[in-house]
Amino acid sequence: MKVSPVFHLVLFFTRGVSLQTWERVGMLGREVALYRELQRRGVKVSFITFGDHRDLHYADRIPGIDIYCNRWHLPSALYERWLSWLHRRVLRNCDIIKTNQTDGADLALGAARKFGKPLVARCGYMWSEFAIRQLGADDAFVQHVLQAEAEVFAAADHVVVTTPMMAADIAERIPETAEKTTVIPNYVDIVAFAPGEVEKDIDLIFIGRIDPQKNVGLLLESVQPLDCSLVIVGNGELRADLMAQYGDLNGRLQWIDKLPNDEVPAYLRRARVFVLPSHYEGHPKTLVEAMACGLPAIGTAVPGIQEVITSGENGWLCGMEAEDIRAAIQQLLGDADLRAKLGANARAYALEHYALIKIADRELALLQDLISQVGA
């Protein structure tokens, strides 16, 4: 006998993003994990992406998740304009629509209004905050982003963010959202990302984009005079220049291109300390994954990181100057007992707050409650 699903969820990808994008940047397994877990609990899941027909080739890798994409190879503007009509069948028959980020949420909002479906506006980082830091508060694009956030968050049936700071920011700017905003942090697969009995042959490791936000140049400046090894995993606009400037630090620095997410734990287990020197973050997934592996983490005391790390308890916060990061590195590399304490507490914190199973519980409960309220 065929069992009816608990409900049917449609996820709108971020504008311009495809399954190919997720795989290219090594995120496919990590991004899909929550929806695979929801599937196991009886939820029907469909993805609406901005990729072409090649996204359909991922069907065998995410069985049971229906993929709706731009298989007609329409220009992006036309695909966005006609998206609700092109995918009208799944949108008409689903129970709830959710966004992955705010960019492109206007399209999800339009579909939800057209077909009378509840909308969950989810964002893993505050688009406007990132835009302001990159462009300045008076930039025309920033004003567009602020307006887009205001419209989507006000109209959505529920808003999901990853940190209390994000929830407070939205409530201050758009007061009517306060009662319908929930904090659900990013998740980590605590089975895949777990401590392991392997040789610690890497002193420091950084994993992430090599761009201005991540501040990798400051990390390299901090490490240059030290006698320790560093592995940098990732790609980005500053990579070539930093490689030319620092080389391999006389054999102490290894550059590794981006990795599929399932290969990341092996590198984290080999490291003594994880370092995240960012100028700002949303809710950093690589930090959470490092903590789940029992790795003591050094992070700059900036938004997004200081909401995760309690300095001296489950990690170590430091200032934004090279000497601040250098001092933190020397402190942790010189104290094995401190590393063991911070690493054990980091693992326990990740288990309590970010385990995929627990996050899936919260996600499922929220979606079911919202559907029942709309149907009442």
Protein backbone atom coordinates (compact mmCIF):
# COMPACT_ATOMS: atom_id res chain seq x y z
CA MET A 1 0.00 0.00 0.00
CA LYS A 2 1.34 3.42 -0.94
CA VAL A 3 1.81 5.71 2.05
CA SER A 4 0.97 9.40 1.59
CA PRO A 5 3.79 11.81 2.48
CA VAL A 6 3.57 13.91 5.62
CA PHE A 7 3.54 16.97 3.35
CA HIS A 8 5.14 18.24 0.14
CA LEU A 9 7.87 20.90 0.48
CA VAL A 10 9.20 22.92 -2.45
CA LEU A 11 12.60 24.57 -1.93
CA PHE A 12 13.51 27.58 -4.06
CA PHE A 13 17.25 27.81 -4.66
CA THR A 14 19.11 31.10 -4.37
CA ARG A 15 18.85 33.19 -7.54
CA GLY A 16 21.31 31.91 -10.14
CA VAL A 17 22.28 28.81 -8.14
CA SER A 18 21.99 25.25 -9.42
CA LEU A 19 22.82 21.76 -8.25
CA GLN A 20 25.87 22.08 -10.46
CA THR A 21 26.87 25.16 -8.45
CA TRP A 22 26.55 23.26 -5.19
CA GLU A 23 28.74 20.47 -6.51
CA ARG A 24 31.30 22.83 -8.05
CA VAL A 25 31.92 24.56 -4.73
CA GLY A 26 31.87 21.27 -2.78
CA MET A 27 28.54 21.91 -1.03
CA LEU A 28 26.21 19.39 -2.63
CA GLY A 29 26.24 16.74 0.09
CA ARG A 30 26.09 19.27 2.90
CA GLU A 31 23.23 21.30 1.41
CA VAL A 32 21.13 18.27 0.54
CA ALA A 33 21.59 16.53 3.91
CA LEU A 34 18.68 18.22 5.69
CA TYR A 35 16.25 17.40 2.89
CA ARG A 36 17.40 13.79 2.76
CA GLU A 37 16.69 13.62 6.51
CA LEU A 38 13.24 15.13 6.01
CA GLN A 39 12.62 12.55 3.28
CA ARG A 40 13.39 9.79 5.75
CA ARG A 41 10.64 11.23 7.94
CA GLY A 42 8.06 11.03 5.18
CA VAL A 43 8.31 14.50 3.65
CA LYS A 44 8.04 14.84 -0.13
CA VAL A 45 10.74 17.27 -1.32
CA SER A 46 11.10 19.13 -4.62
CA PHE A 47 13.87 21.53 -5.67
CA ILE A 48 13.37 24.51 -7.98
CA THR A 49 16.81 25.49 -9.26
CA PHE A 50 18.29 27.96 -11.71
CA GLY A 51 20.37 25.37 -13.54
CA ASP A 52 19.78 24.01 -17.01
CA HIS A 53 18.91 20.43 -18.02
CA ARG A 54 22.16 19.18 -16.48
CA ASP A 55 20.62 19.55 -13.03
CA LEU A 56 18.35 16.66 -13.97
CA HIS A 57 21.42 14.42 -14.07
CA TYR A 58 21.58 14.61 -10.26
CA ALA A 59 18.35 12.64 -9.88
CA ASP A 60 20.21 9.39 -9.21
CA ARG A 61 22.31 11.05 -6.49
CA ILE A 62 19.33 12.50 -4.62
CA PRO A 63 16.67 9.85 -5.24
CA GLY A 64 13.14 10.82 -4.40
CA ILE A 65 13.80 14.56 -4.63
CA ASP A 66 12.16 15.95 -7.76
CA ILE A 67 14.25 18.49 -9.66
CA TYR A 68 12.68 21.39 -11.53
CA CYS A 69 15.12 23.52 -13.50
CA ASN A 70 15.52 25.65 -16.62
CA ARG A 71 15.49 22.67 -18.97
CA TRP A 72 14.34 24.94 -21.79
CA HIS A 73 17.60 26.94 -21.69
CA LEU A 74 15.71 30.20 -21.46
CA PRO A 75 17.61 33.43 -20.78
CA SER A 76 17.76 34.00 -17.02
CA ALA A 77 15.39 36.96 -17.09
CA LEU A 78 12.76 35.01 -19.02
CA TYR A 79 13.13 31.95 -16.83
CA GLU A 80 12.56 34.07 -13.72
CA ARG A 81 9.60 35.84 -15.31
CA TRP A 82 7.87 32.60 -16.31
CA LEU A 83 9.10 30.38 -13.47
CA SER A 84 5.75 30.10 -11.68
CA TRP A 85 4.02 29.13 -14.91
CA LEU A 86 6.76 26.74 -16.08
CA HIS A 87 6.65 24.87 -12.77
CA ARG A 88 2.97 25.42 -12.10
CA ARG A 89 2.15 21.75 -11.59
CA VAL A 90 4.48 21.21 -8.63
CA LEU A 91 3.68 24.62 -7.18
CA ARG A 92 -0.05 24.01 -7.39
CA ASN A 93 0.22 20.59 -5.74
CA CYS A 94 2.74 21.28 -2.98
CA ASP A 95 1.85 22.12 0.64
CA ILE A 96 4.51 24.67 1.51
CA ILE A 97 7.24 26.74 -0.18
CA LYS A 98 10.60 27.61 1.38
CA THR A 99 13.52 29.78 0.30
CA ASN A 100 17.16 28.83 0.75
CA GLN A 101 18.39 32.45 0.91
CA THR A 102 16.86 35.90 0.47
CA ASP A 103 18.26 36.55 -3.01
CA GLY A 104 15.56 35.07 -5.24
CA ALA A 105 12.99 34.91 -2.44
CA ASP A 106 10.88 37.40 -4.38
CA LEU A 107 10.24 34.64 -6.91
CA ALA A 108 9.21 32.22 -4.18
CA LEU A 109 6.93 34.89 -2.71
CA GLY A 110 5.30 35.44 -6.09
CA ALA A 111 4.69 31.70 -6.48
CA ALA A 112 3.29 31.40 -2.95
CA ARG A 113 0.85 34.23 -3.61
CA LYS A 114 -0.16 32.89 -7.00
CA PHE A 115 -0.95 29.39 -5.74
CA GLY A 116 -2.05 30.27 -2.22
CA LYS A 117 0.74 28.39 -0.43
CA PRO A 118 2.39 29.27 2.89
CA LEU A 119 5.91 30.64 2.53
CA VAL A 120 8.88 30.15 4.83
CA ALA A 121 11.50 32.82 4.13
CA ARG A 122 14.73 31.24 5.30
CA CYS A 123 18.15 32.90 5.15
CA GLY A 124 21.48 31.61 6.41
CA TYR A 125 23.05 35.07 6.46
CA MET A 126 21.74 38.62 6.39
CA TRP A 127 22.01 39.67 2.75
CA SER A 128 21.76 43.37 3.61
CA GLU A 129 24.51 43.20 6.23
CA PHE A 130 26.90 41.56 3.80
CA ALA A 131 25.99 44.09 1.09
CA ILE A 132 26.50 47.05 3.42
CA ARG A 133 29.93 45.78 4.48
CA GLN A 134 30.95 45.29 0.87
CA LEU A 135 29.40 48.38 -0.77
CA GLY A 136 28.48 50.89 1.95
CA ALA A 137 25.08 51.80 3.36
CA ASP A 138 24.29 54.43 0.72
CA ASP A 139 24.85 52.20 -2.30
CA ALA A 140 21.82 51.81 -4.58
CA PHE A 141 22.11 48.02 -4.59
CA VAL A 142 22.09 47.97 -0.79
CA GLN A 143 18.84 49.93 -0.80
CA HIS A 144 17.39 47.39 -3.22
CA VAL A 145 18.44 44.55 -0.90
CA LEU A 146 16.92 46.23 2.15
CA GLN A 147 13.65 46.73 0.27
CA ALA A 148 13.65 43.11 -0.92
CA GLU A 149 14.18 41.85 2.63
CA ALA A 150 11.42 44.08 3.97
CA GLU A 151 8.92 42.88 1.38
CA VAL A 152 9.71 39.17 1.68
CA PHE A 153 9.98 39.03 5.48
CA ALA A 154 6.79 41.05 5.99
CA ALA A 155 4.79 38.93 3.54
CA ALA A 156 6.14 35.49 4.50
CA ASP A 157 4.10 33.26 6.79
CA HIS A 158 7.25 32.54 8.77
CA VAL A 159 10.88 33.67 8.79
CA VAL A 160 13.78 31.37 9.66
CA VAL A 161 17.26 32.70 10.44
CA THR A 162 20.39 31.02 11.76
CA THR A 163 21.36 33.33 14.66
CA PRO A 164 19.60 35.40 17.34
CA MET A 165 21.47 38.47 16.09
CA MET A 166 19.83 38.09 12.68
CA ALA A 167 16.41 37.71 14.31
CA ALA A 168 16.97 40.87 16.36
CA ASP A 169 18.07 42.81 13.27
CA ILE A 170 14.95 41.83 11.33
CA ALA A 171 12.66 42.59 14.28
CA GLU A 172 14.17 46.05 14.68
CA ARG A 173 13.79 46.93 11.01
CA ILE A 174 10.51 45.11 10.36
CA PRO A 175 8.71 44.90 13.73
CA GLU A 176 5.76 42.90 12.43
CA THR A 177 8.06 39.94 11.80
CA ALA A 178 9.13 39.49 15.44
CA GLU A 179 6.36 37.05 16.35
CA LYS A 180 6.85 34.92 13.27
CA THR A 181 10.65 34.57 13.29
CA THR A 182 12.42 31.41 14.45
CA VAL A 183 16.13 30.76 14.91
CA ILE A 184 17.21 27.41 13.45
CA PRO A 185 21.01 27.26 13.12
CA ASN A 186 22.99 25.50 10.44
CA TYR A 187 23.45 21.79 11.00
CA VAL A 188 26.33 19.33 10.89
CA ASP A 189 26.40 15.61 10.26
CA ILE A 190 27.88 14.55 13.59
CA VAL A 191 28.64 11.05 12.30
CA ALA A 192 30.69 12.18 9.31
CA PHE A 193 32.20 15.11 11.21
CA ALA A 194 33.60 13.44 14.31
CA PRO A 195 36.99 13.12 16.01
CA GLY A 196 39.29 10.40 14.74
CA GLU A 197 42.44 8.66 15.92
CA VAL A 198 44.83 9.96 13.27
CA GLU A 199 48.22 11.63 13.34
CA LYS A 200 48.09 15.39 13.86
CA ASP A 201 50.46 16.43 11.10
CA ILE A 202 48.89 19.86 10.41
CA ASP A 203 49.26 22.64 12.98
CA LEU A 204 46.67 25.06 11.56
CA ILE A 205 43.91 24.73 8.98
CA PHE A 206 41.61 27.20 7.27
CA ILE A 207 38.72 26.08 5.05
CA GLY A 208 36.60 28.54 3.09
CA ARG A 209 36.47 31.09 0.33
CA ILE A 210 39.62 33.09 -0.24
CA ASP A 211 38.01 36.50 -0.57
CA PRO A 212 38.09 39.80 1.34
CA GLN A 213 35.43 38.72 3.86
CA LYS A 214 37.44 35.71 5.04
CA ASN A 215 40.59 37.78 5.69
CA VAL A 216 43.03 35.01 4.75
CA GLY A 217 45.78 37.55 4.05
CA LEU A 218 45.80 38.53 7.73
CA LEU A 219 46.09 34.87 8.72
CA LEU A 220 49.11 34.47 6.45
CA GLU A 221 50.68 37.63 7.86
CA SER A 222 50.14 36.22 11.35
CA VAL A 223 51.66 32.85 10.56
CA GLN A 224 54.62 34.03 8.46
CA PRO A 225 57.09 34.53 11.36
CA LEU A 226 55.93 31.46 13.29
CA ASP A 227 57.41 27.97 13.15
CA CYS A 228 54.21 26.07 12.36
CA SER A 229 52.46 24.48 9.39
CA LEU A 230 49.29 25.75 7.76
CA VAL A 231 46.88 24.22 5.26
CA ILE A 232 44.53 26.50 3.35
CA VAL A 233 41.62 24.77 1.64
CA GLY A 234 39.51 26.77 -0.78
CA ASN A 235 39.41 29.04 -3.76
CA GLY A 236 38.45 32.61 -4.46
CA GLU A 237 39.38 35.93 -5.97
CA LEU A 238 42.41 36.54 -3.72
CA ARG A 239 43.96 33.08 -3.98
CA ALA A 240 46.36 33.73 -6.86
CA ASP A 241 47.68 36.98 -5.37
CA LEU A 242 48.18 35.46 -1.93
CA MET A 243 49.91 32.41 -3.40
CA ALA A 244 52.24 34.72 -5.32
CA GLN A 245 52.95 36.78 -2.21
CA TYR A 246 53.46 33.99 0.32
CA GLY A 247 54.31 30.93 -1.76
CA ASP A 248 54.61 27.90 0.49
CA LEU A 249 56.32 29.67 3.43
CA ASN A 250 59.42 27.56 3.00
CA GLY A 251 57.45 24.32 2.93
CA ARG A 252 55.19 25.19 5.89
CA LEU A 253 52.14 26.20 3.83
CA GLN A 254 50.05 23.91 1.66
CA TRP A 255 47.39 25.23 -0.72
CA ILE A 256 44.53 22.85 -1.51
CA ASP A 257 41.72 23.62 -3.94
CA LYS A 258 38.15 23.37 -2.70
CA LEU A 259 37.11 19.91 -1.52
CA PRO A 260 33.83 18.01 -1.68
CA ASN A 261 32.27 18.25 1.75
CA ASP A 262 32.66 14.53 2.42
CA GLU A 263 36.46 14.87 2.11
CA VAL A 264 36.69 17.74 4.61
CA PRO A 265 36.56 15.66 7.86
CA ALA A 266 39.78 13.83 7.00
CA TYR A 267 41.67 17.12 6.82
CA LEU A 268 40.09 18.51 9.98
CA ARG A 269 41.06 15.40 11.96
CA ARG A 270 44.70 15.86 10.97
CA ALA A 271 44.83 19.43 12.29
CA ARG A 272 45.62 20.74 15.76
CA VAL A 273 43.77 24.06 15.42
CA PHE A 274 41.15 25.51 13.05
CA VAL A 275 41.40 29.25 12.33
CA LEU A 276 38.64 31.51 10.99
CA PRO A 277 39.94 35.12 10.72
CA SER A 278 36.87 36.63 9.01
CA HIS A 279 35.77 40.25 9.11
CA TYR A 280 32.17 39.03 9.59
CA GLU A 281 30.08 35.87 9.18
CA GLY A 282 26.49 34.71 9.05
CA HIS A 283 26.52 31.32 10.79
CA PRO A 284 29.79 29.74 9.57
CA LYS A 285 29.34 26.12 8.57
CA THR A 286 33.05 25.31 8.42
CA LEU A 287 33.45 26.47 12.02
CA VAL A 288 30.59 24.24 13.15
CA GLU A 289 32.08 21.30 11.23
CA ALA A 290 35.51 21.85 12.79
CA MET A 291 33.94 21.94 16.25
CA ALA A 292 32.06 18.71 15.55
CA CYS A 293 35.41 17.08 14.76
CA GLY A 294 36.61 18.05 18.23
CA LEU A 295 38.95 20.69 16.85
CA PRO A 296 39.80 23.75 18.96
CA ALA A 297 38.99 26.83 16.88
CA ILE A 298 40.39 30.34 16.85
CA GLY A 299 37.99 32.94 15.50
CA THR A 300 37.99 36.69 15.29
CA ALA A 301 35.52 38.34 17.68
CA VAL A 302 33.10 39.44 14.99
CA PRO A 303 29.36 38.92 14.29
CA GLY A 304 28.60 35.34 13.36
CA ILE A 305 31.68 33.87 15.05
CA GLN A 306 31.18 35.28 18.53
CA GLU A 307 27.66 33.83 18.55
CA VAL A 308 29.19 30.34 18.24
CA ILE A 309 32.45 30.55 20.20
CA THR A 310 32.56 31.29 23.91
CA SER A 311 36.20 32.17 24.35
CA GLY A 312 38.10 29.90 26.68
CA GLU A 313 35.26 27.38 26.82
CA ASN A 314 34.54 25.92 23.36
CA GLY A 315 37.03 27.94 21.33
CA TRP A 316 39.20 31.04 21.37
CA LEU A 317 38.26 34.55 20.25
CA CYS A 318 40.86 37.12 19.27
CA GLY A 319 41.16 40.60 17.83
CA MET A 320 41.48 41.66 14.20
CA GLU A 321 45.18 42.51 14.14
CA ALA A 322 47.92 40.15 12.97
CA GLU A 323 49.53 40.16 16.41
CA ASP A 324 46.17 39.18 17.98
CA ILE A 325 45.81 36.13 15.76
CA ARG A 326 49.49 35.28 16.18
CA ALA A 327 49.21 35.39 19.97
CA ALA A 328 46.13 33.15 19.92
CA ILE A 329 47.90 30.65 17.68
CA GLN A 330 50.93 30.58 19.96
CA GLN A 331 48.70 30.16 23.01
CA LEU A 332 46.87 27.13 21.62
CA LEU A 333 49.78 25.43 19.87
CA GLY A 334 51.82 25.78 23.05
CA ASP A 335 49.23 24.21 25.35
CA ALA A 336 48.09 20.66 24.56
CA ASP A 337 45.82 20.51 27.61
CA LEU A 338 44.02 23.69 26.54
CA ARG A 339 43.54 22.29 23.04
CA ALA A 340 42.11 19.08 24.46
CA LYS A 341 39.69 20.98 26.71
CA LEU A 342 38.50 23.33 23.97
CA GLY A 343 38.20 20.50 21.44
CA ALA A 344 36.13 18.29 23.76
CA ASN A 345 33.84 21.19 24.66
CA ALA A 346 33.51 22.15 21.00
CA ARG A 347 32.39 18.64 20.09
CA ALA A 348 29.87 18.61 22.95
CA TYR A 349 28.54 22.03 21.91
CA ALA A 350 28.11 20.91 18.31
CA LEU A 351 26.29 17.76 19.41
CA GLU A 352 23.91 19.76 21.59
CA HIS A 353 23.17 22.64 19.23
CA TYR A 354 23.89 21.66 15.62
CA ALA A 355 23.37 17.91 15.16
CA LEU A 356 21.52 17.26 11.90
CA ILE A 357 18.92 15.04 13.57
CA LYS A 358 18.04 17.75 16.10
CA ILE A 359 17.86 20.47 13.46
CA ALA A 360 15.64 18.23 11.31
CA ASP A 361 13.34 17.76 14.32
CA ARG A 362 12.95 21.51 14.67
CA GLU A 363 12.52 22.06 10.94
CA LEU A 364 9.85 19.37 10.65
CA ALA A 365 7.93 20.64 13.69
CA LEU A 366 7.93 24.21 12.38
CA LEU A 367 6.77 23.23 8.89
CA GLN A 368 4.03 20.94 10.19
CA ASP A 369 2.79 23.58 12.59
CA LEU A 370 2.70 26.21 9.86
CA ILE A 371 0.80 23.96 7.47
CA SER A 372 -1.73 23.08 10.18
CA GLN A 373 -2.26 26.78 11.02
CA VAL A 374 -2.84 27.69 7.38
CA GLY A 375 -5.21 24.76 6.90
CA ALA A 376 -7.21 25.48 10.07
